[in-house]
Amino acid sequence: MDNYDVVIVGGGTAGSVLASRLSEQPSLRVLLLEAGPADPLPAMADPPAWPSLVRGPANWGELTVPQGPPGAVTPLPRGKGLGGGSSINAMLFTRGHRSGYQRWTDAGAKDWGFFDLLPYFKRSENAPGRDPVLRGRGGPLTVAPSDPLNPVLAAALEAAVEAGERRAGDISSGVEEGFGPVDVNIVGGQRQSAADAYLRPVRDRKNLAVVTDALVHRLRVDNQKVTGVDYSVGSEVICVSAGEVVVAAGAIGSPQLLMLSGIGPADHLRAHGIEVVADLPGVGAGLQDHPVANVIYRSSQPVPTPRHNHGEVVGLVRSRDGLPGPDLQLIFVDLPRPVNGFQAPDQGYSIGVSVMAPHSRGTVRLADAVPGSAPLIDPNYYDDVRDLDAVVAGLRLARTIGRQDALAPWRDSEVIPGPASDDELELRDYARRAVASYCHPAGTLAMGDGDSAVVDPLLRLRGIEGVRVADASVMPAITAGNTNATVYAIAERAAEFILGED
């Protein structure tokens, strides 16, 4: 049995940050375990190629359980390999509006508001030309908007302004509403993943071991203290001991691992023949994701070949008056996105509508007790009628933008859902049937002080010593924007916690 000061489970965004930051301390022996391979796929470097990655071997390949009365099933991609989701995602780097973090502090996540996180957001990034009060300088991630914008997306931005929406100066900052070019993780024409920015530059540190193709079976627990992990590489099972284990396998993988280790809802664990180590009902509960519905247009001329990440402009808006912050994101995409049950045009563009502050919550549950099996993922999209109300309002706004003069040179016709679908019931039915995941699962090991909270504000697992969680699973509520930038900040702060206690 090998001994390490810290074992990190998961080499995705959070794991890459943690491995880099913790191994800066030469006295710490750090082990990073990742289930996927060490080498990136060639397509990972090519920003427009990301849609192929979510259908390939760098994705765990999981689907949601059937959603709602239509029984819609949607892929919920998550990365498998160093860099995790940051190696296969659409490279949007946006913090989400600051109002969303109020839901964290309301849940008892003390000192986790937007401005509490701001130093860690700034630490992760290099955002030249932006307001230094809000944006970072010299961090590992160089982020900026796509330049130049694809002409059809530039036209869509002008159409939003024509429709009366605000033009934002820095929509990625977390303090603005409106529409604008979004920051992306693209440097020199290539994707910059968490592994690229944080991990690969430090792989030769003598105190850092990185093991890939490593499937973690369970945490080793002795007298309510985690003492190490068991994992396999091929047919070989390996046991390692640890002074502390950091679970960073994401909002799907982290609760799955805890449940396989006997930590979770007791009745569910016993149903799968797993000995209960700690009865924590909040493990795997509280799942949130951003559902998305697309309005698809056939273009009247060929859309220029994409150079960047397809989705280069976003808007943050409120679905109705009286809300504390924006609850919808609209994203303009330079290709016709696939929609469940519909035939997309050969050439076109999309306006995606996603609920940023969903009230609905779902679960992650075990399908069986076999490590590596696909879990049961139920985001429970639109269970709360307020989410359906919001997406219908967003679809109407998307169509208003789509009709503006700025898009006239590109617009042939609306294909999906089609102009005939216009009343309230038709749009609600469309949103349910066409639901897709924006690939932002969160909240399954929520931080806070209530009965369902799983980790405390120092990210320590409640009732079990020697283990922390640092990934999107600890979010008490999903961010009002894409989640990846916030995961970087969570991991930066987790590393500070660990180093401060060393």
Protein backbone atom coordinates (compact mmCIF):
# COMPACT_ATOMS: atom_id res chain seq x y z
CA MET A 1 0.00 0.00 0.00
CA ASP A 2 1.40 3.37 -1.05
CA ASN A 3 1.01 6.38 1.21
CA TYR A 4 0.09 9.89 0.10
CA ASP A 5 -0.70 13.06 1.94
CA VAL A 6 -3.57 13.85 -0.46
CA VAL A 7 -5.35 11.59 -2.95
CA ILE A 8 -7.55 13.38 -5.50
CA VAL A 9 -10.28 11.31 -7.16
CA GLY A 10 -11.03 12.72 -10.61
CA GLY A 11 -8.69 14.45 -13.04
CA GLY A 12 -11.25 16.84 -14.53
CA THR A 13 -11.45 20.59 -14.04
CA ALA A 14 -11.34 20.55 -10.24
CA GLY A 15 -8.85 17.69 -10.02
CA SER A 16 -6.43 19.38 -12.41
CA VAL A 17 -6.54 22.59 -10.37
CA LEU A 18 -6.09 20.74 -7.07
CA ALA A 19 -3.20 18.61 -8.31
CA SER A 20 -1.38 21.69 -9.56
CA ARG A 21 -1.97 23.89 -6.52
CA LEU A 22 -1.37 21.25 -3.85
CA SER A 23 1.83 19.97 -5.44
CA GLU A 24 3.24 23.50 -5.26
CA GLN A 25 3.94 22.53 -1.64
CA PRO A 26 7.02 20.26 -1.99
CA SER A 27 6.40 18.51 1.31
CA LEU A 28 3.03 17.13 0.17
CA ARG A 29 2.86 13.82 -1.69
CA VAL A 30 -0.11 14.11 -4.05
CA LEU A 31 -1.80 11.38 -6.10
CA LEU A 32 -4.32 12.20 -8.84
CA LEU A 33 -6.54 9.36 -10.09
CA GLU A 34 -8.42 9.68 -13.38
CA ALA A 35 -10.67 7.04 -14.97
CA GLY A 36 -9.95 8.18 -18.52
CA PRO A 37 -6.78 8.10 -20.61
CA ALA A 38 -3.72 10.31 -20.30
CA ASP A 39 -3.47 11.51 -23.89
CA PRO A 40 -5.94 14.01 -25.37
CA LEU A 41 -7.79 13.22 -28.57
CA PRO A 42 -6.70 15.33 -31.56
CA ALA A 43 -10.20 16.84 -31.83
CA MET A 44 -9.85 18.31 -28.33
CA ALA A 45 -7.46 20.94 -29.65
CA ASP A 46 -9.85 22.03 -32.43
CA PRO A 47 -12.57 24.30 -30.97
CA PRO A 48 -15.26 23.76 -33.66
CA ALA A 49 -14.89 19.97 -33.27
CA TRP A 50 -16.37 19.81 -29.77
CA PRO A 51 -19.77 18.36 -30.86
CA SER A 52 -17.93 15.23 -32.02
CA LEU A 53 -16.33 14.83 -28.59
CA VAL A 54 -19.62 14.55 -26.69
CA ARG A 55 -20.46 11.53 -28.84
CA GLY A 56 -17.07 9.83 -28.53
CA PRO A 57 -14.87 7.89 -26.09
CA ALA A 58 -13.95 11.01 -24.08
CA ASN A 59 -17.53 11.04 -22.74
CA TRP A 60 -18.93 8.56 -20.20
CA GLY A 61 -21.90 8.18 -22.55
CA GLU A 62 -24.73 8.41 -20.04
CA LEU A 63 -28.40 9.27 -20.64
CA THR A 64 -31.01 10.69 -18.34
CA VAL A 65 -33.94 8.56 -17.30
CA PRO A 66 -37.16 9.43 -19.22
CA GLN A 67 -38.28 12.97 -18.42
CA GLY A 68 -41.87 13.98 -17.80
CA PRO A 69 -45.02 12.80 -19.60
CA PRO A 70 -43.39 12.72 -23.08
CA GLY A 71 -40.66 10.42 -21.73
CA ALA A 72 -37.87 12.39 -23.39
CA VAL A 73 -34.39 10.95 -22.85
CA THR A 74 -31.36 13.17 -23.36
CA PRO A 75 -27.62 12.59 -23.25
CA LEU A 76 -25.87 14.23 -20.31
CA PRO A 77 -22.22 14.22 -21.40
CA ARG A 78 -19.38 14.35 -18.86
CA GLY A 79 -15.72 14.19 -19.66
CA LYS A 80 -13.60 11.05 -19.26
CA GLY A 81 -9.91 11.89 -19.39
CA LEU A 82 -7.55 14.51 -18.02
CA GLY A 83 -9.33 17.84 -18.01
CA GLY A 84 -12.73 16.14 -17.74
CA GLY A 85 -15.56 18.31 -19.00
CA SER A 86 -13.17 21.15 -19.84
CA SER A 87 -11.65 18.88 -22.52
CA ILE A 88 -14.95 18.21 -24.33
CA ASN A 89 -17.23 21.16 -23.53
CA ALA A 90 -18.11 24.15 -25.69
CA MET A 91 -15.41 26.26 -23.96
CA LEU A 92 -17.72 28.99 -22.63
CA PHE A 93 -16.10 30.67 -19.62
CA THR A 94 -18.69 32.68 -17.75
CA ARG A 95 -19.27 32.98 -14.03
CA GLY A 96 -23.02 33.26 -14.09
CA HIS A 97 -24.78 36.26 -12.68
CA ARG A 98 -23.89 37.23 -9.11
CA SER A 99 -27.53 36.95 -8.00
CA GLY A 100 -27.30 33.17 -8.32
CA TYR A 101 -24.74 32.95 -5.52
CA GLN A 102 -27.21 34.48 -3.09
CA ARG A 103 -28.96 31.12 -3.19
CA TRP A 104 -25.76 29.58 -1.84
CA THR A 105 -25.58 31.82 1.20
CA ASP A 106 -29.32 31.42 1.76
CA ALA A 107 -28.70 27.64 1.99
CA GLY A 108 -26.15 28.15 4.76
CA ALA A 109 -22.98 28.18 2.65
CA LYS A 110 -21.40 30.89 4.77
CA ASP A 111 -18.87 33.12 2.99
CA TRP A 112 -19.66 31.63 -0.43
CA GLY A 113 -21.35 34.64 -2.03
CA PHE A 114 -20.21 36.06 -5.35
CA PHE A 115 -17.75 38.54 -3.87
CA ASP A 116 -16.40 35.87 -1.50
CA LEU A 117 -15.58 33.79 -4.59
CA LEU A 118 -14.25 36.72 -6.61
CA PRO A 119 -10.57 36.34 -5.52
CA TYR A 120 -10.66 32.70 -6.67
CA PHE A 121 -12.32 33.55 -9.97
CA LYS A 122 -9.58 36.10 -10.54
CA ARG A 123 -6.83 33.69 -9.46
CA SER A 124 -7.82 31.21 -12.17
CA GLU A 125 -7.85 33.59 -15.13
CA ASN A 126 -5.90 35.93 -17.31
CA ALA A 127 -8.43 38.30 -18.86
CA PRO A 128 -6.46 41.04 -20.60
CA GLY A 129 -8.20 44.32 -21.28
CA ARG A 130 -10.96 43.76 -18.72
CA ASP A 131 -11.72 45.64 -15.50
CA PRO A 132 -9.01 44.52 -13.04
CA VAL A 133 -11.37 45.04 -10.12
CA LEU A 134 -13.48 42.16 -11.45
CA ARG A 135 -11.20 40.20 -13.74
CA GLY A 136 -7.91 38.38 -13.22
CA ARG A 137 -4.41 38.98 -14.53
CA GLY A 138 -1.75 36.32 -14.91
CA GLY A 139 -3.82 33.25 -14.02
CA PRO A 140 -3.38 29.93 -15.80
CA LEU A 141 -6.44 30.36 -18.04
CA THR A 142 -6.30 33.00 -20.74
CA VAL A 143 -9.88 33.90 -21.60
CA ALA A 144 -11.38 36.34 -24.10
CA PRO A 145 -14.32 36.58 -26.53
CA SER A 146 -14.08 35.03 -29.97
CA ASP A 147 -12.56 37.46 -32.47
CA PRO A 148 -13.89 37.92 -35.04
CA LEU A 149 -17.41 36.70 -34.35
CA ASN A 150 -19.00 34.50 -36.94
CA PRO A 151 -21.01 36.97 -39.09
CA VAL A 152 -24.33 35.23 -38.41
CA LEU A 153 -23.72 35.47 -34.66
CA ALA A 154 -22.68 39.11 -34.93
CA ALA A 155 -25.98 39.71 -36.75
CA ALA A 156 -27.87 37.89 -33.98
CA LEU A 157 -26.26 40.15 -31.38
CA GLU A 158 -27.39 43.20 -33.34
CA ALA A 159 -30.85 41.66 -33.60
CA ALA A 160 -31.03 41.34 -29.81
CA VAL A 161 -30.18 45.04 -29.47
CA GLU A 162 -32.79 45.89 -32.14
CA ALA A 163 -35.31 43.96 -30.06
CA GLY A 164 -34.65 46.29 -27.14
CA GLU A 165 -32.19 44.19 -25.17
CA ARG A 166 -29.13 45.68 -23.46
CA ARG A 167 -25.68 45.28 -25.00
CA ALA A 168 -23.37 44.05 -22.24
CA GLY A 169 -19.71 45.07 -22.04
CA ASP A 170 -18.51 41.93 -20.23
CA ILE A 171 -21.25 39.33 -19.99
CA SER A 172 -18.82 36.82 -18.47
CA SER A 173 -17.98 39.00 -15.45
CA GLY A 174 -20.96 37.99 -13.32
CA VAL A 175 -22.24 41.52 -12.75
CA GLU A 176 -24.04 42.33 -16.03
CA GLU A 177 -27.29 41.46 -17.75
CA GLY A 178 -27.91 41.76 -21.46
CA PHE A 179 -26.27 40.31 -24.57
CA GLY A 180 -22.64 40.18 -25.59
CA PRO A 181 -19.73 38.06 -26.81
CA VAL A 182 -18.91 35.46 -24.16
CA ASP A 183 -15.39 34.59 -22.99
CA VAL A 184 -14.04 31.27 -24.24
CA ASN A 185 -11.15 28.98 -23.29
CA ILE A 186 -9.43 29.27 -26.67
CA VAL A 187 -5.81 30.37 -26.92
CA GLY A 188 -3.99 30.67 -30.24
CA GLY A 189 -6.88 28.99 -32.03
CA GLN A 190 -6.82 25.92 -29.76
CA ARG A 191 -8.83 24.75 -26.76
CA GLN A 192 -7.24 25.36 -23.37
CA SER A 193 -8.57 22.75 -20.95
CA ALA A 194 -7.93 22.55 -17.23
CA ALA A 195 -5.34 19.88 -17.97
CA ASP A 196 -3.63 22.15 -20.49
CA ALA A 197 -3.58 25.17 -18.18
CA TYR A 198 -2.96 23.60 -14.78
CA LEU A 199 -1.84 19.99 -14.97
CA ARG A 200 0.40 19.32 -17.95
CA PRO A 201 2.86 22.13 -17.07
CA VAL A 202 3.56 20.47 -13.66
CA ARG A 203 3.53 16.78 -14.55
CA ASP A 204 7.26 16.45 -13.81
CA ARG A 205 6.98 17.49 -10.15
CA LYS A 206 8.53 14.74 -8.04
CA ASN A 207 5.80 14.95 -5.40
CA LEU A 208 2.93 14.55 -7.89
CA ALA A 209 1.80 11.17 -9.23
CA VAL A 210 -0.87 11.03 -11.93
CA VAL A 211 -2.47 7.67 -12.65
CA THR A 212 -4.87 7.45 -15.60
CA ASP A 213 -7.21 4.64 -16.68
CA ALA A 214 -7.78 4.26 -12.94
CA LEU A 215 -11.31 3.31 -11.88
CA VAL A 216 -11.86 4.14 -8.21
CA HIS A 217 -14.01 1.48 -6.55
CA ARG A 218 -14.54 2.96 -3.11
CA LEU A 219 -13.20 5.07 -0.31
CA ARG A 220 -11.63 3.14 2.54
CA VAL A 221 -13.34 4.11 5.80
CA ASP A 222 -12.19 3.12 9.29
CA ASN A 223 -14.02 4.37 12.40
CA GLN A 224 -15.77 7.14 10.46
CA LYS A 225 -12.51 8.35 8.93
CA VAL A 226 -11.48 7.98 5.30
CA THR A 227 -8.02 6.46 5.23
CA GLY A 228 -7.50 5.86 1.51
CA VAL A 229 -9.03 4.50 -1.69
CA ASP A 230 -9.22 1.28 -3.66
CA TYR A 231 -8.89 1.54 -7.44
CA SER A 232 -8.10 -0.65 -10.41
CA VAL A 233 -6.01 -0.27 -13.53
CA GLY A 234 -7.06 -3.05 -15.86
CA SER A 235 -7.46 -6.18 -13.76
CA GLU A 236 -5.12 -5.03 -11.00
CA VAL A 237 -6.73 -3.70 -7.81
CA ILE A 238 -4.59 -1.22 -5.91
CA CYS A 239 -5.03 0.17 -2.41
CA VAL A 240 -3.51 3.48 -1.34
CA SER A 241 -3.62 5.27 1.99
CA ALA A 242 -4.10 9.01 2.34
CA GLY A 243 -3.95 11.68 4.97
CA GLU A 244 -6.87 13.27 3.14
CA VAL A 245 -8.98 12.33 0.13
CA VAL A 246 -10.53 14.98 -2.11
CA VAL A 247 -13.44 13.71 -4.18
CA ALA A 248 -13.57 15.68 -7.43
CA ALA A 249 -15.38 13.32 -9.78
CA GLY A 250 -18.17 15.76 -10.65
CA ALA A 251 -21.85 16.03 -9.81
CA ILE A 252 -22.53 12.55 -11.19
CA GLY A 253 -19.36 10.65 -10.30
CA SER A 254 -18.83 12.03 -6.80
CA PRO A 255 -22.18 10.98 -5.29
CA GLN A 256 -21.90 7.64 -7.08
CA LEU A 257 -18.52 6.99 -5.44
CA LEU A 258 -19.76 7.98 -1.99
CA MET A 259 -22.74 5.64 -2.30
CA LEU A 260 -20.51 2.78 -3.47
CA SER A 261 -18.47 3.49 -0.32
CA GLY A 262 -21.50 3.15 1.95
CA ILE A 263 -22.12 6.88 2.37
CA GLY A 264 -25.59 8.01 1.35
CA PRO A 265 -29.29 7.27 1.84
CA ALA A 266 -29.36 4.13 3.99
CA ASP A 267 -32.40 2.47 2.40
CA HIS A 268 -31.02 2.97 -1.10
CA LEU A 269 -27.64 1.53 -0.14
CA ARG A 270 -29.17 -1.51 1.53
CA ALA A 271 -31.33 -2.13 -1.53
CA HIS A 272 -28.08 -2.65 -3.46
CA GLY A 273 -26.44 -4.76 -0.77
CA ILE A 274 -24.04 -2.04 0.33
CA GLU A 275 -23.09 -1.83 4.01
CA VAL A 276 -24.08 1.56 5.42
CA VAL A 277 -21.13 3.54 6.75
CA ALA A 278 -22.99 6.84 7.12
CA ASP A 279 -26.66 7.57 6.50
CA LEU A 280 -26.53 10.87 4.58
CA PRO A 281 -29.85 11.35 2.74
CA GLY A 282 -28.53 14.36 0.83
CA VAL A 283 -26.01 12.30 -1.14
CA GLY A 284 -27.23 12.19 -4.73
CA ALA A 285 -30.23 14.39 -3.95
CA GLY A 286 -30.77 17.96 -5.14
CA LEU A 287 -29.53 17.40 -8.71
CA GLN A 288 -29.99 20.46 -10.91
CA ASP A 289 -29.11 21.01 -14.54
CA HIS A 290 -29.84 23.73 -17.07
CA PRO A 291 -32.43 22.38 -19.53
CA VAL A 292 -32.28 23.89 -22.99
CA ALA A 293 -34.79 24.26 -25.84
CA ASN A 294 -33.71 25.46 -29.27
CA VAL A 295 -35.32 27.61 -31.93
CA ILE A 296 -33.81 26.53 -35.26
CA TYR A 297 -33.68 28.63 -38.43
CA ARG A 298 -32.87 27.58 -41.96
CA SER A 299 -30.40 30.09 -43.37
CA SER A 300 -30.85 31.74 -46.75
CA GLN A 301 -27.13 31.52 -47.45
CA PRO A 302 -24.35 29.23 -46.26
CA VAL A 303 -23.17 30.04 -42.74
CA PRO A 304 -19.41 30.78 -42.77
CA THR A 305 -17.22 27.92 -41.62
CA PRO A 306 -16.96 28.11 -37.83
CA ARG A 307 -13.56 29.12 -36.49
CA HIS A 308 -14.32 29.14 -32.79
CA ASN A 309 -16.74 27.23 -30.56
CA HIS A 310 -20.06 27.73 -32.44
CA GLY A 311 -21.73 29.53 -29.50
CA GLU A 312 -19.97 32.90 -29.35
CA VAL A 313 -22.72 35.21 -28.02
CA VAL A 314 -24.99 34.83 -25.01
CA GLY A 315 -27.62 36.87 -23.24
CA LEU A 316 -28.75 36.89 -19.62
CA VAL A 317 -32.34 38.07 -19.18
CA ARG A 318 -35.29 37.85 -16.80
CA SER A 319 -38.33 35.89 -17.84
CA ARG A 320 -40.61 38.26 -15.93
CA ASP A 321 -40.53 41.34 -13.75
CA GLY A 322 -39.86 41.06 -10.04
CA LEU A 323 -37.10 38.45 -10.14
CA PRO A 324 -33.89 39.02 -8.13
CA GLY A 325 -31.73 38.38 -11.18
CA PRO A 326 -31.67 36.88 -14.68
CA ASP A 327 -33.19 33.40 -14.90
CA LEU A 328 -32.67 32.73 -18.62
CA GLN A 329 -29.69 32.45 -20.90
CA LEU A 330 -30.05 32.76 -24.65
CA ILE A 331 -27.15 31.45 -26.69
CA PHE A 332 -26.67 32.10 -30.41
CA VAL A 333 -25.16 29.13 -32.27
CA ASP A 334 -23.80 29.09 -35.81
CA LEU A 335 -25.24 25.69 -36.71
CA PRO A 336 -28.66 24.00 -36.47
CA ARG A 337 -28.59 22.10 -33.18
CA PRO A 338 -30.20 18.63 -33.14
CA VAL A 339 -33.61 18.52 -31.43
CA ASN A 340 -35.38 15.40 -30.16
CA GLY A 341 -37.99 14.22 -32.67
CA PHE A 342 -37.29 16.91 -35.30
CA GLN A 343 -35.35 17.00 -38.55
CA ALA A 344 -32.86 19.86 -38.56
CA PRO A 345 -32.13 21.76 -41.81
CA ASP A 346 -28.90 21.14 -43.68
CA GLN A 347 -27.77 24.71 -43.10
CA GLY A 348 -28.90 27.14 -40.48
CA TYR A 349 -28.40 28.62 -37.03
CA SER A 350 -29.96 28.28 -33.58
CA ILE A 351 -31.11 30.36 -30.65
CA GLY A 352 -30.92 28.22 -27.53
CA VAL A 353 -33.03 29.03 -24.47
CA SER A 354 -31.94 27.69 -21.10
CA VAL A 355 -33.41 28.11 -17.62
CA MET A 356 -30.60 29.46 -15.43
CA ALA A 357 -32.34 29.38 -12.05
CA PRO A 358 -34.38 26.17 -12.15
CA HIS A 359 -36.59 25.29 -9.19
CA SER A 360 -36.82 21.62 -10.18
CA ARG A 361 -34.49 19.13 -8.53
CA GLY A 362 -33.70 15.53 -9.31
CA THR A 363 -31.43 12.72 -8.18
CA VAL A 364 -28.41 10.59 -8.95
CA ARG A 365 -28.93 7.00 -7.82
CA LEU A 366 -27.09 3.73 -8.23
CA ALA A 367 -28.32 1.28 -10.84
CA ASP A 368 -26.25 -1.43 -9.16
CA ALA A 369 -23.23 -1.78 -6.86
CA VAL A 370 -20.68 -2.32 -9.66
CA PRO A 371 -17.99 0.40 -9.93
CA GLY A 372 -18.04 1.99 -13.36
CA SER A 373 -21.68 1.17 -14.09
CA ALA A 374 -23.84 3.98 -15.42
CA PRO A 375 -25.90 5.51 -12.58
CA LEU A 376 -29.53 6.54 -12.83
CA ILE A 377 -29.58 10.26 -13.62
CA ASP A 378 -32.88 12.07 -13.20
CA PRO A 379 -32.64 15.89 -13.56
CA ASN A 380 -36.45 16.03 -13.24
CA TYR A 381 -36.62 18.81 -15.84
CA TYR A 382 -39.67 21.09 -15.62
CA ASP A 383 -41.09 19.31 -12.58
CA ASP A 384 -41.68 22.79 -11.15
CA VAL A 385 -44.08 24.66 -13.42
CA ARG A 386 -42.14 27.90 -12.89
CA ASP A 387 -39.31 26.45 -14.98
CA LEU A 388 -41.68 25.72 -17.84
CA ASP A 389 -43.11 29.24 -17.57
CA ALA A 390 -39.60 30.65 -17.86
CA VAL A 391 -38.54 28.62 -20.89
CA VAL A 392 -41.74 29.53 -22.77
CA ALA A 393 -41.02 33.21 -22.11
CA GLY A 394 -37.50 32.61 -23.42
CA LEU A 395 -38.76 30.93 -26.57
CA ARG A 396 -40.97 33.94 -27.28
CA LEU A 397 -38.02 36.30 -26.80
CA ALA A 398 -35.84 34.14 -29.05
CA ARG A 399 -38.43 34.40 -31.80
CA THR A 400 -38.70 38.15 -31.36
CA ILE A 401 -34.94 38.42 -31.82
CA GLY A 402 -35.05 36.01 -34.75
CA ARG A 403 -37.50 38.28 -36.61
CA GLN A 404 -35.36 41.44 -36.44
CA ASP A 405 -33.96 43.16 -39.51
CA ALA A 406 -30.35 42.48 -38.54
CA LEU A 407 -30.91 38.77 -39.25
CA ALA A 408 -32.81 39.34 -42.51
CA PRO A 409 -29.75 38.59 -44.72
CA TRP A 410 -29.44 35.18 -43.02
CA ARG A 411 -33.02 34.18 -42.28
CA ASP A 412 -34.93 31.85 -44.56
CA SER A 413 -37.51 30.46 -42.13
CA GLU A 414 -38.04 29.10 -38.65
CA VAL A 415 -37.93 25.32 -38.93
CA ILE A 416 -38.16 24.18 -35.29
CA PRO A 417 -40.59 24.36 -33.57
CA GLY A 418 -42.06 26.12 -36.62
CA PRO A 419 -44.27 29.21 -36.86
CA ALA A 420 -47.45 27.15 -36.45
CA SER A 421 -46.47 26.37 -32.84
CA ASP A 422 -47.30 29.62 -31.16
CA ASP A 423 -49.85 29.28 -28.38
CA GLU A 424 -48.95 28.61 -24.77
CA LEU A 425 -49.86 24.92 -24.70
CA GLU A 426 -47.98 24.19 -27.92
CA LEU A 427 -44.81 25.87 -26.69
CA ARG A 428 -44.98 24.10 -23.33
CA ASP A 429 -45.41 20.79 -25.10
CA TYR A 430 -42.49 21.59 -27.40
CA ALA A 431 -40.21 22.47 -24.47
CA ARG A 432 -40.98 19.14 -22.79
CA ARG A 433 -40.55 17.01 -25.92
CA ALA A 434 -37.42 18.78 -27.16
CA VAL A 435 -35.67 19.08 -23.80
CA ALA A 436 -31.90 18.71 -23.91
CA SER A 437 -29.22 19.00 -21.27
CA TYR A 438 -26.91 22.01 -21.28
CA CYS A 439 -24.48 19.60 -19.56
CA HIS A 440 -24.22 21.45 -16.25
CA PRO A 441 -25.15 18.93 -13.51
CA ALA A 442 -24.72 20.34 -10.01
CA GLY A 443 -25.88 20.18 -6.42
CA THR A 444 -25.77 16.46 -5.59
CA LEU A 445 -23.51 16.86 -2.49
CA ALA A 446 -24.72 20.28 -1.50
CA MET A 447 -22.88 22.58 0.85
CA GLY A 448 -24.82 24.23 3.65
CA ASP A 449 -26.11 23.89 7.18
CA GLY A 450 -29.53 22.24 6.71
CA ASP A 451 -30.52 18.64 7.27
CA SER A 452 -29.89 17.74 3.63
CA ALA A 453 -26.45 19.40 3.45
CA VAL A 454 -23.62 16.96 2.71
CA VAL A 455 -20.53 19.16 3.08
CA ASP A 456 -19.78 22.12 5.32
CA PRO A 457 -18.46 25.50 4.12
CA LEU A 458 -14.89 24.14 4.31
CA LEU A 459 -16.01 21.39 1.89
CA ARG A 460 -15.58 18.67 4.52
CA LEU A 461 -17.98 15.73 4.40
CA ARG A 462 -20.35 15.82 7.35
CA GLY A 463 -19.85 13.00 9.86
CA ILE A 464 -16.81 11.51 8.13
CA GLU A 465 -13.27 12.73 8.71
CA GLY A 466 -10.45 12.83 6.20
CA VAL A 467 -12.45 13.67 3.08
CA ARG A 468 -13.58 16.78 1.21
CA VAL A 469 -15.55 17.30 -1.96
CA ALA A 470 -14.55 19.95 -4.50
CA ASP A 471 -16.56 20.07 -7.72
CA ALA A 472 -19.97 21.16 -9.01
CA SER A 473 -21.72 18.71 -6.70
CA VAL A 474 -21.17 21.03 -3.71
CA MET A 475 -23.16 23.91 -5.26
CA PRO A 476 -26.25 24.47 -3.08
CA ALA A 477 -27.98 25.78 -6.21
CA ILE A 478 -26.87 25.78 -9.82
CA THR A 479 -25.16 28.93 -11.04
CA ALA A 480 -27.05 31.43 -13.22
CA GLY A 481 -24.64 30.65 -16.05
CA ASN A 482 -22.34 27.93 -17.37
CA THR A 483 -20.76 26.10 -14.44
CA ASN A 484 -17.16 25.46 -15.48
CA ALA A 485 -15.69 28.84 -14.46
CA THR A 486 -17.21 28.38 -11.00
CA VAL A 487 -15.72 24.90 -10.65
CA TYR A 488 -12.27 26.42 -11.21
CA ALA A 489 -12.97 28.88 -8.39
CA ILE A 490 -14.28 26.14 -6.05
CA ALA A 491 -11.13 24.10 -6.63
CA GLU A 492 -8.84 27.11 -6.12
CA ARG A 493 -10.53 27.74 -2.79
CA ALA A 494 -10.44 24.07 -1.78
CA ALA A 495 -6.68 23.99 -2.37
CA GLU A 496 -6.33 27.02 -0.12
CA PHE A 497 -8.33 25.28 2.61
CA ILE A 498 -6.14 22.18 2.44
CA LEU A 499 -2.85 24.05 2.33
CA GLY A 500 -3.98 26.29 5.19
CA GLU A 501 -4.57 23.27 7.41
CA ASP A 502 -1.38 21.45 6.42
